[in-house]
C-alpha atoms as a PDB file:
ATOM      1  CA  MET A   1      -9.795  -6.464 -67.912  1.00  0.00           C
ATOM      2  CA  SER A   2      -8.365  -6.416 -64.409  1.00  0.00           C
ATOM      3  CA  THR A   3     -10.694  -6.623 -61.431  1.00  0.00           C
ATOM      4  CA  GLY A   4      -7.843  -6.058 -58.960  1.00  0.00           C
ATOM      5  CA  ILE A   5      -7.985  -2.275 -59.393  1.00  0.00           C
ATOM      6  CA  VAL A   6     -10.701  -1.912 -56.779  1.00  0.00           C
ATOM      7  CA  ASN A   7      -9.869  -4.204 -53.906  1.00  0.00           C
ATOM      8  CA  PRO A   8     -11.688  -3.469 -50.644  1.00  0.00           C
ATOM      9  CA  THR A   9      -9.451  -5.886 -48.736  1.00  0.00           C
ATOM     10  CA  SER A  10      -6.270  -4.064 -49.640  1.00  0.00           C
ATOM     11  CA  SER A  11      -7.958  -0.723 -48.943  1.00  0.00           C
ATOM     12  CA  ALA A  12      -9.008  -1.930 -45.524  1.00  0.00           C
ATOM     13  CA  SER A  13      -5.533  -3.189 -44.706  1.00  0.00           C
ATOM     14  CA  THR A  14      -3.942   0.096 -45.747  1.00  0.00           C
ATOM     15  CA  ALA A  15      -6.567   2.056 -43.819  1.00  0.00           C
ATOM     16  CA  GLY A  16      -5.677   0.231 -40.591  1.00  0.00           C
ATOM     17  CA  PRO A  17      -2.400   1.937 -39.766  1.00  0.00           C
ATOM     18  CA  SER A  18      -3.617   5.367 -40.781  1.00  0.00           C
ATOM     19  CA  THR A  19      -6.722   4.912 -38.625  1.00  0.00           C
ATOM     20  CA  SER A  20      -4.646   4.037 -35.585  1.00  0.00           C
ATOM     21  CA  SER A  21      -2.399   7.030 -36.139  1.00  0.00           C
ATOM     22  CA  THR A  22      -5.415   9.350 -36.314  1.00  0.00           C
ATOM     23  CA  THR A  23      -7.381   7.852 -33.438  1.00  0.00           C
ATOM     24  CA  GLY A  24      -7.383  11.226 -31.680  1.00  0.00           C
ATOM     25  CA  GLY A  25      -9.337  12.681 -34.598  1.00  0.00           C
ATOM     26  CA  LEU A  26     -11.866   9.863 -34.544  1.00  0.00           C
ATOM     27  CA  THR A  27     -13.093  10.936 -31.127  1.00  0.00           C
ATOM     28  CA  GLN A  28     -14.459  14.053 -32.813  1.00  0.00           C
ATOM     29  CA  LEU A  29     -16.759  12.014 -35.096  1.00  0.00           C
ATOM     30  CA  THR A  30     -20.431  12.225 -34.305  1.00  0.00           C
ATOM     31  CA  PRO A  31     -22.896   9.446 -35.101  1.00  0.00           C
ATOM     32  CA  ASN A  32     -24.101  11.568 -38.052  1.00  0.00           C
ATOM     33  CA  ASP A  33     -20.540  11.814 -39.384  1.00  0.00           C
ATOM     34  CA  PHE A  34     -20.242   8.047 -39.157  1.00  0.00           C
ATOM     35  CA  LEU A  35     -23.506   7.551 -41.043  1.00  0.00           C
ATOM     36  CA  GLN A  36     -22.306   9.894 -43.799  1.00  0.00           C
ATOM     37  CA  LEU A  37     -19.077   7.899 -44.081  1.00  0.00           C
ATOM     38  CA  LEU A  38     -21.017   4.641 -44.166  1.00  0.00           C
ATOM     39  CA  ILE A  39     -23.350   5.916 -46.900  1.00  0.00           C
ATOM     40  CA  THR A  40     -20.383   7.144 -48.949  1.00  0.00           C
ATOM     41  CA  GLN A  41     -18.676   3.787 -48.511  1.00  0.00           C
ATOM     42  CA  LEU A  42     -21.800   1.943 -49.658  1.00  0.00           C
ATOM     43  CA  LYS A  43     -22.198   4.221 -52.699  1.00  0.00           C
ATOM     44  CA  ASN A  44     -18.594   3.703 -53.776  1.00  0.00           C
ATOM     45  CA  GLN A  45     -18.187   0.008 -53.091  1.00  0.00           C
ATOM     46  CA  ASP A  46     -17.245  -2.482 -55.787  1.00  0.00           C
ATOM     47  CA  PRO A  47     -20.505  -4.046 -57.045  1.00  0.00           C
ATOM     48  CA  LEU A  48     -18.646  -7.286 -57.803  1.00  0.00           C
ATOM     49  CA  ASN A  49     -17.317  -7.474 -54.254  1.00  0.00           C
ATOM     50  CA  PRO A  50     -19.767  -5.711 -51.893  1.00  0.00           C
ATOM     51  CA  THR A  51     -18.979  -4.979 -48.265  1.00  0.00           C
ATOM     52  CA  ASN A  52     -19.520  -7.918 -45.980  1.00  0.00           C
ATOM     53  CA  SER A  53     -22.231  -7.386 -43.350  1.00  0.00           C
ATOM     54  CA  ASP A  54     -19.808  -8.668 -40.696  1.00  0.00           C
ATOM     55  CA  GLN A  55     -17.390  -5.880 -41.639  1.00  0.00           C
ATOM     56  CA  MET A  56     -20.164  -3.309 -41.351  1.00  0.00           C
ATOM     57  CA  LEU A  57     -21.154  -4.609 -37.910  1.00  0.00           C
ATOM     58  CA  GLN A  58     -17.514  -4.505 -36.831  1.00  0.00           C
ATOM     59  CA  GLN A  59     -17.232  -0.874 -37.963  1.00  0.00           C
ATOM     60  CA  ILE A  60     -20.413   0.071 -36.112  1.00  0.00           C
ATOM     61  CA  SER A  61     -19.096  -1.705 -33.015  1.00  0.00           C
ATOM     62  CA  GLU A  62     -15.807   0.205 -33.241  1.00  0.00           C
ATOM     63  CA  ILE A  63     -17.648   3.527 -33.446  1.00  0.00           C
ATOM     64  CA  ASP A  64     -19.751   2.525 -30.424  1.00  0.00           C
ATOM     65  CA  ASN A  65     -16.544   1.700 -28.521  1.00  0.00           C
ATOM     66  CA  ILE A  66     -15.043   5.083 -29.395  1.00  0.00           C
ATOM     67  CA  GLU A  67     -18.200   6.850 -28.232  1.00  0.00           C
ATOM     68  CA  ALA A  68     -18.259   4.840 -24.989  1.00  0.00           C
ATOM     69  CA  THR A  69     -14.601   5.686 -24.333  1.00  0.00           C
ATOM     70  CA  THR A  70     -15.284   9.370 -24.933  1.00  0.00           C
ATOM     71  CA  ASN A  71     -18.252   9.285 -22.538  1.00  0.00           C
ATOM     72  CA  LEU A  72     -16.173   7.471 -19.909  1.00  0.00           C
ATOM     73  CA  SER A  73     -13.407  10.053 -20.216  1.00  0.00           C
ATOM     74  CA  SER A  74     -15.919  12.855 -19.746  1.00  0.00           C
ATOM     75  CA  SER A  75     -17.380  11.140 -16.684  1.00  0.00           C
ATOM     76  CA  LEU A  76     -13.940  10.640 -15.143  1.00  0.00           C
ATOM     77  CA  ASN A  77     -13.104  14.307 -15.704  1.00  0.00           C
ATOM     78  CA  SER A  78     -16.327  15.248 -13.938  1.00  0.00           C
ATOM     79  CA  VAL A  79     -15.503  12.972 -10.995  1.00  0.00           C
ATOM     80  CA  ALA A  80     -12.001  14.471 -10.734  1.00  0.00           C
ATOM     81  CA  THR A  81     -13.471  17.985 -10.777  1.00  0.00           C
ATOM     82  CA  ASP A  82     -15.961  17.108  -8.043  1.00  0.00           C
ATOM     83  CA  GLN A  83     -13.242  15.497  -5.944  1.00  0.00           C
ATOM     84  CA  GLY A  84     -11.060  18.604  -6.248  1.00  0.00           C
ATOM     85  CA  PHE A  85     -13.877  20.809  -5.012  1.00  0.00           C
ATOM     86  CA  GLN A  86     -14.655  18.462  -2.116  1.00  0.00           C
ATOM     87  CA  THR A  87     -10.993  18.436  -1.140  1.00  0.00           C
ATOM     88  CA  ALA A  88     -10.811  22.238  -1.245  1.00  0.00           C
ATOM     89  CA  SER A  89     -13.998  22.542   0.833  1.00  0.00           C
ATOM     90  CA  ALA A  90     -12.635  20.146   3.453  1.00  0.00           C
ATOM     91  CA  LEU A  91      -9.623  22.438   3.954  1.00  0.00           C
ATOM     92  CA  ILE A  92     -11.706  25.398   5.169  1.00  0.00           C
ATOM     93  CA  GLY A  93     -10.527  26.212   8.700  1.00  0.00           C
ATOM     94  CA  LYS A  94      -7.273  24.235   8.307  1.00  0.00           C
ATOM     95  CA  GLN A  95      -3.759  25.675   8.419  1.00  0.00           C
ATOM     96  CA  VAL A  96      -2.054  25.392   5.022  1.00  0.00           C
ATOM     97  CA  GLN A  97       1.224  26.348   3.426  1.00  0.00           C
ATOM     98  CA  GLY A  98       1.908  26.736  -0.262  1.00  0.00           C
ATOM     99  CA  VAL A  99       2.424  29.312  -2.986  1.00  0.00           C
ATOM    100  CA  ASP A 100       0.061  31.559  -4.918  1.00  0.00           C
ATOM    101  CA  ALA A 101      -0.135  31.702  -8.730  1.00  0.00           C
ATOM    102  CA  SER A 102       2.818  34.136  -8.805  1.00  0.00           C
ATOM    103  CA  GLY A 103       5.010  31.861  -6.693  1.00  0.00           C
ATOM    104  CA  ASN A 104       4.748  33.942  -3.514  1.00  0.00           C
ATOM    105  CA  PRO A 105       4.619  31.928  -0.278  1.00  0.00           C
ATOM    106  CA  VAL A 106       1.226  31.693   1.415  1.00  0.00           C
ATOM    107  CA  SER A 107       0.493  30.310   4.869  1.00  0.00           C
ATOM    108  CA  GLY A 108      -2.416  30.615   7.234  1.00  0.00           C
ATOM    109  CA  THR A 109      -5.958  29.429   7.847  1.00  0.00           C
ATOM    110  CA  VAL A 110      -8.130  28.700   4.820  1.00  0.00           C
ATOM    111  CA  ASP A 111     -11.075  31.114   4.838  1.00  0.00           C
ATOM    112  CA  SER A 112     -12.888  29.881   1.741  1.00  0.00           C
ATOM    113  CA  ALA A 113     -12.706  27.651  -1.301  1.00  0.00           C
ATOM    114  CA  SER A 114     -13.717  28.568  -4.827  1.00  0.00           C
ATOM    115  CA  PHE A 115     -13.902  26.844  -8.148  1.00  0.00           C
ATOM    116  CA  THR A 116     -13.059  28.689 -11.367  1.00  0.00           C
ATOM    117  CA  ASN A 117     -12.429  27.297 -14.860  1.00  0.00           C
ATOM    118  CA  GLY A 118     -12.224  23.728 -13.607  1.00  0.00           C
ATOM    119  CA  ALA A 119      -9.681  24.453 -10.870  1.00  0.00           C
ATOM    120  CA  ALA A 120     -10.162  24.712  -7.116  1.00  0.00           C
ATOM    121  CA  SER A 121      -8.602  27.663  -5.273  1.00  0.00           C
ATOM    122  CA  LEU A 122      -8.252  28.486  -1.598  1.00  0.00           C
ATOM    123  CA  THR A 123      -8.400  31.910   0.014  1.00  0.00           C
ATOM    124  CA  VAL A 124      -6.035  32.476   2.931  1.00  0.00           C
ATOM    125  CA  GLY A 125      -6.472  35.984   4.298  1.00  0.00           C
ATOM    126  CA  SER A 126      -6.230  38.257   1.271  1.00  0.00           C
ATOM    127  CA  GLN A 127      -4.277  35.759  -0.828  1.00  0.00           C
ATOM    128  CA  THR A 128      -5.625  33.124  -3.189  1.00  0.00           C
ATOM    129  CA  MET A 129      -3.754  29.991  -4.141  1.00  0.00           C
ATOM    130  CA  PRO A 130      -4.534  26.990  -6.310  1.00  0.00           C
ATOM    131  CA  LEU A 131      -5.354  23.775  -4.485  1.00  0.00           C
ATOM    132  CA  SER A 132      -2.563  22.052  -6.408  1.00  0.00           C
ATOM    133  CA  SER A 133       0.093  24.359  -4.894  1.00  0.00           C
ATOM    134  CA  ILE A 134      -0.453  23.362  -1.254  1.00  0.00           C
ATOM    135  CA  SER A 135       2.683  21.914   0.320  1.00  0.00           C
ATOM    136  CA  SER A 136       1.359  21.160   3.824  1.00  0.00           C
ATOM    137  CA  VAL A 137      -1.872  20.995   5.833  1.00  0.00           C
ATOM    138  CA  SER A 138      -2.332  20.943   9.610  1.00  0.00           C
ATOM    139  CA  GLY A 139      -5.065  21.334  12.164  1.00  0.00           C
END
């Protein structure tokens, strides 16, 4: 009888590269998903070679790190959004030049700033242009 058929060490080493290549998908795991995976792993482990508690703690720590990274990314996106709106608001009353969404040139005094779908826009007269398309500011 061969006990090498079920070898958690070799499974873990082969899971490493595939995990790193699917890291983008791991950010979609919820804590409940992780618990389901952990329970399944415990149910299917080799009774002669059970999972080491250090390995379990390492896995939990890795999931916590992924969750923290996801939360940090969300926070940074929020800060960038807020900064874009503050920048657009600060341009009200300033002379700007740029292009609208269709590529038409726009120049004049900024009348208002708006924020739609995560992007700041400026209104110059009857034309609207994205904040990112401004080429110069004066006044």
